Amino acid sequence: MTASIALGIPGLSVAPGDHICGFYGGLPERDEILLPFLREGLRAGDKCVCILDNTDPGEILAALDPDPATRDQLDLRSSLDAYFRTGAFSAQEMIAFWTKLLNHAIADGSPLVRVVCEMSWALRDFPGVDELIAYESEYNRYADRYPQVVICLYDLDRFGSAILMDILKTHPKVLVSGIVHDNPYYVEPDEFLASRR
């Protein structure tokens, strides 16, 4: 039987390896997903990684106010420090980044790694952001190799409908209006990436 991972949102759980697209409208709705997800992870002893684009990581740290005993479980970063470490976005470099981070967390004894990423960085005028959709699809090859749950947060007020359809095609599950759905629009990476060539 597959383990059930509580998202921190009442009544919602997922399985290890789930790659979820979380849709929201504005920062208050983002925080209704992000903060409970991280709090539940800290409570459960999970490694919690949060990449932020519209908020300083210090603000989220203050909102979480973690117990000093759990502070080392929390890894808060800005999108610039995660996605643009070399000055440009690279899907391959990000997969390598996550692989290293996940291997390190597992070696340190974390039972699960919770990842939540605010994806509005992709709207910036940086080299490589056009790789976003391929990156999201490619990530599905790695999602179930590790004990992790990943939520990619997309603000419906900021992303256009054309890109949102591609985002839907690259996430097996969708979190919207407080409910996790199996995504009928999801396309496996081989098929999806071949269709974009």
Protein backbone atom coordinates (compact mmCIF):
# COMPACT_ATOMS: atom_id res chain seq x y z
CA MET A 1 0.00 0.00 0.00
CA THR A 2 1.27 3.46 -0.90
CA ALA A 3 1.92 5.81 2.01
CA SER A 4 -0.37 8.79 2.34
CA ILE A 5 1.26 12.18 2.91
CA ALA A 6 -0.84 14.89 4.57
CA LEU A 7 -0.58 18.19 2.70
CA GLY A 8 -1.42 20.21 5.79
CA ILE A 9 -4.66 21.35 4.17
CA PRO A 10 -7.51 19.61 6.02
CA GLY A 11 -8.56 16.42 4.31
CA LEU A 12 -5.89 16.48 1.61
CA SER A 13 -3.21 13.86 1.21
CA VAL A 14 -1.05 12.65 -1.66
CA ALA A 15 1.49 9.90 -2.32
CA PRO A 16 5.28 10.13 -2.26
CA GLY A 17 6.52 11.01 -5.74
CA ASP A 18 3.55 13.22 -6.59
CA HIS A 19 4.32 16.25 -8.79
CA ILE A 20 1.43 18.65 -8.29
CA CYS A 21 0.47 21.87 -9.99
CA GLY A 22 -1.08 24.26 -7.47
CA PHE A 23 -3.22 27.03 -8.94
CA TYR A 24 -4.00 30.10 -6.86
CA GLY A 25 -5.02 33.74 -7.28
CA GLY A 26 -2.89 36.25 -5.33
CA LEU A 27 -0.54 35.95 -2.38
CA PRO A 28 -3.17 35.20 0.30
CA GLU A 29 -4.33 32.12 -1.65
CA ARG A 30 -0.71 31.10 -2.26
CA ASP A 31 -0.09 31.19 1.48
CA GLU A 32 -3.18 29.01 2.11
CA ILE A 33 -1.29 26.27 0.24
CA LEU A 34 2.34 27.04 1.05
CA LEU A 35 2.24 27.64 4.80
CA PRO A 36 0.17 24.59 5.86
CA PHE A 37 2.24 22.37 3.54
CA LEU A 38 5.48 23.51 5.17
CA ARG A 39 4.07 23.44 8.73
CA GLU A 40 2.89 19.86 8.27
CA GLY A 41 6.30 18.91 6.93
CA LEU A 42 8.11 20.43 9.90
CA ARG A 43 5.71 18.65 12.27
CA ALA A 44 6.34 15.32 10.49
CA GLY A 45 10.14 15.68 10.50
CA ASP A 46 10.38 16.17 6.72
CA LYS A 47 12.95 18.25 4.87
CA CYS A 48 11.04 21.28 3.55
CA VAL A 49 12.32 23.25 0.56
CA CYS A 50 10.54 26.43 -0.48
CA ILE A 51 11.56 28.58 -3.44
CA LEU A 52 9.95 32.00 -3.50
CA ASP A 53 9.69 34.63 -6.20
CA ASN A 54 7.28 37.28 -4.90
CA THR A 55 8.18 37.23 -1.22
CA ASP A 56 11.43 37.50 0.68
CA PRO A 57 12.23 34.13 2.29
CA GLY A 58 12.55 35.93 5.64
CA GLU A 59 8.85 36.80 5.53
CA ILE A 60 7.89 33.14 5.16
CA LEU A 61 10.30 32.19 7.93
CA ALA A 62 8.60 34.74 10.19
CA ALA A 63 5.14 33.48 9.22
CA LEU A 64 6.13 29.88 9.96
CA ASP A 65 7.95 30.78 13.17
CA PRO A 66 9.49 27.30 13.37
CA ASP A 67 10.62 25.74 16.60
CA PRO A 68 14.43 26.05 16.80
CA ALA A 69 14.61 22.24 16.89
CA THR A 70 13.03 22.04 13.41
CA ARG A 71 14.74 25.04 11.78
CA ASP A 72 17.37 22.85 10.08
CA GLN A 73 14.58 21.01 8.25
CA LEU A 74 13.66 24.22 6.45
CA ASP A 75 15.42 25.43 3.29
CA LEU A 76 14.02 28.76 2.08
CA ARG A 77 15.49 30.28 -1.09
CA SER A 78 14.73 33.03 -3.55
CA SER A 79 14.08 32.08 -7.17
CA LEU A 80 17.27 33.90 -8.17
CA ASP A 81 19.31 31.70 -5.80
CA ALA A 82 17.71 28.51 -7.09
CA TYR A 83 16.77 28.87 -10.75
CA PHE A 84 19.29 31.46 -11.89
CA ARG A 85 22.47 30.53 -10.02
CA THR A 86 24.49 30.87 -13.24
CA GLY A 87 22.58 33.88 -14.56
CA ALA A 88 20.33 31.78 -16.82
CA PHE A 89 17.79 29.02 -16.34
CA SER A 90 18.74 25.53 -17.47
CA ALA A 91 16.42 22.54 -17.14
CA GLN A 92 19.40 20.15 -17.00
CA GLU A 93 21.12 22.18 -14.28
CA MET A 94 17.91 22.27 -12.22
CA ILE A 95 17.43 18.51 -12.46
CA ALA A 96 21.04 18.13 -11.25
CA PHE A 97 20.35 20.66 -8.45
CA TRP A 98 17.29 18.71 -7.24
CA THR A 99 19.06 15.36 -7.51
CA LYS A 100 21.91 16.61 -5.33
CA LEU A 101 19.55 18.23 -2.80
CA LEU A 102 17.34 15.14 -2.56
CA ASN A 103 20.28 12.76 -2.20
CA HIS A 104 21.74 14.95 0.55
CA ALA A 105 18.41 15.13 2.43
CA ILE A 106 17.97 11.35 2.26
CA ALA A 107 21.56 10.78 3.41
CA ASP A 108 20.81 13.08 6.37
CA GLY A 109 17.89 10.84 7.34
CA SER A 110 14.90 12.86 6.10
CA PRO A 111 11.90 10.53 5.68
CA LEU A 112 10.40 12.78 2.99
CA VAL A 113 11.32 15.95 1.13
CA ARG A 114 8.57 18.49 0.60
CA VAL A 115 9.22 20.95 -2.21
CA VAL A 116 7.05 23.97 -2.93
CA CYS A 117 8.07 26.43 -5.66
CA GLU A 118 6.53 29.70 -6.67
CA MET A 119 6.82 29.60 -10.46
CA SER A 120 6.33 33.27 -11.39
CA TRP A 121 10.11 33.50 -11.98
CA ALA A 122 9.32 32.07 -15.43
CA LEU A 123 7.62 35.36 -16.37
CA ARG A 124 10.90 37.24 -16.01
CA ASP A 125 13.05 38.23 -18.95
CA PHE A 126 15.96 35.88 -18.19
CA PRO A 127 17.83 33.59 -20.53
CA GLY A 128 16.44 30.06 -20.53
CA VAL A 129 12.95 30.69 -19.13
CA ASP A 130 11.60 29.26 -22.38
CA GLU A 131 12.74 25.85 -21.02
CA LEU A 132 10.10 25.95 -18.26
CA ILE A 133 7.59 23.61 -19.88
CA ALA A 134 10.24 21.06 -20.93
CA TYR A 135 11.67 21.22 -17.38
CA GLU A 136 8.26 20.59 -15.80
CA SER A 137 7.69 17.60 -18.09
CA GLU A 138 11.20 16.19 -17.58
CA TYR A 139 10.82 16.45 -13.79
CA ASN A 140 8.19 13.72 -13.94
CA ARG A 141 10.93 11.21 -14.79
CA TYR A 142 12.52 11.94 -11.37
CA ALA A 143 9.53 12.60 -9.15
CA ASP A 144 8.89 9.04 -8.04
CA ARG A 145 12.57 8.10 -7.69
CA TYR A 146 12.75 9.89 -4.35
CA PRO A 147 10.55 10.17 -1.27
CA GLN A 148 9.27 13.62 -2.18
CA VAL A 149 6.14 15.63 -2.81
CA VAL A 150 6.45 18.62 -5.13
CA ILE A 151 3.97 21.49 -5.51
CA CYS A 152 4.63 23.99 -8.31
CA LEU A 153 2.61 27.12 -7.58
CA TYR A 154 1.14 29.10 -10.49
CA ASP A 155 -0.74 32.36 -9.98
CA LEU A 156 -3.77 32.38 -12.26
CA ASP A 157 -3.72 36.19 -12.14
CA ARG A 158 -0.28 36.26 -13.78
CA PHE A 159 -0.03 33.32 -16.20
CA GLY A 160 -1.89 33.35 -19.52
CA SER A 161 -4.18 30.59 -20.76
CA ALA A 162 -1.80 29.28 -23.46
CA ILE A 163 1.01 28.52 -21.02
CA LEU A 164 -1.45 27.22 -18.41
CA MET A 165 -2.56 24.49 -20.82
CA ASP A 166 1.05 23.34 -21.22
CA ILE A 167 1.52 23.50 -17.45
CA LEU A 168 -1.52 21.25 -17.02
CA LYS A 169 -0.05 18.76 -19.49
CA THR A 170 3.12 18.45 -17.38
CA HIS A 171 1.62 17.75 -13.94
CA PRO A 172 -0.06 14.43 -13.09
CA LYS A 173 -2.03 16.09 -10.27
CA VAL A 174 -3.61 19.50 -9.85
CA LEU A 175 -4.45 21.34 -6.63
CA VAL A 176 -7.19 23.89 -7.16
CA SER A 177 -9.77 25.36 -4.78
CA GLY A 178 -8.50 23.19 -1.92
CA ILE A 179 -8.89 19.87 -3.77
CA VAL A 180 -6.24 17.62 -5.35
CA HIS A 181 -7.40 16.14 -8.66
CA ASP A 182 -5.89 13.48 -10.89
CA ASN A 183 -5.18 15.49 -14.03
CA PRO A 184 -6.89 14.15 -17.18
CA TYR A 185 -4.79 16.53 -19.33
CA TYR A 186 -1.45 15.12 -18.15
CA VAL A 187 0.83 13.80 -20.92
CA GLU A 188 3.79 11.48 -20.16
CA PRO A 189 7.21 13.10 -20.78
CA ASP A 190 8.19 11.06 -23.87
CA GLU A 191 4.97 11.90 -25.67
CA PHE A 192 4.82 15.50 -24.50
CA LEU A 193 8.43 16.35 -25.34
CA ALA A 194 8.22 14.62 -28.74
CA SER A 195 5.16 16.75 -29.58
CA ARG A 196 7.19 19.93 -28.97
CA ARG A 197 10.05 19.08 -31.35
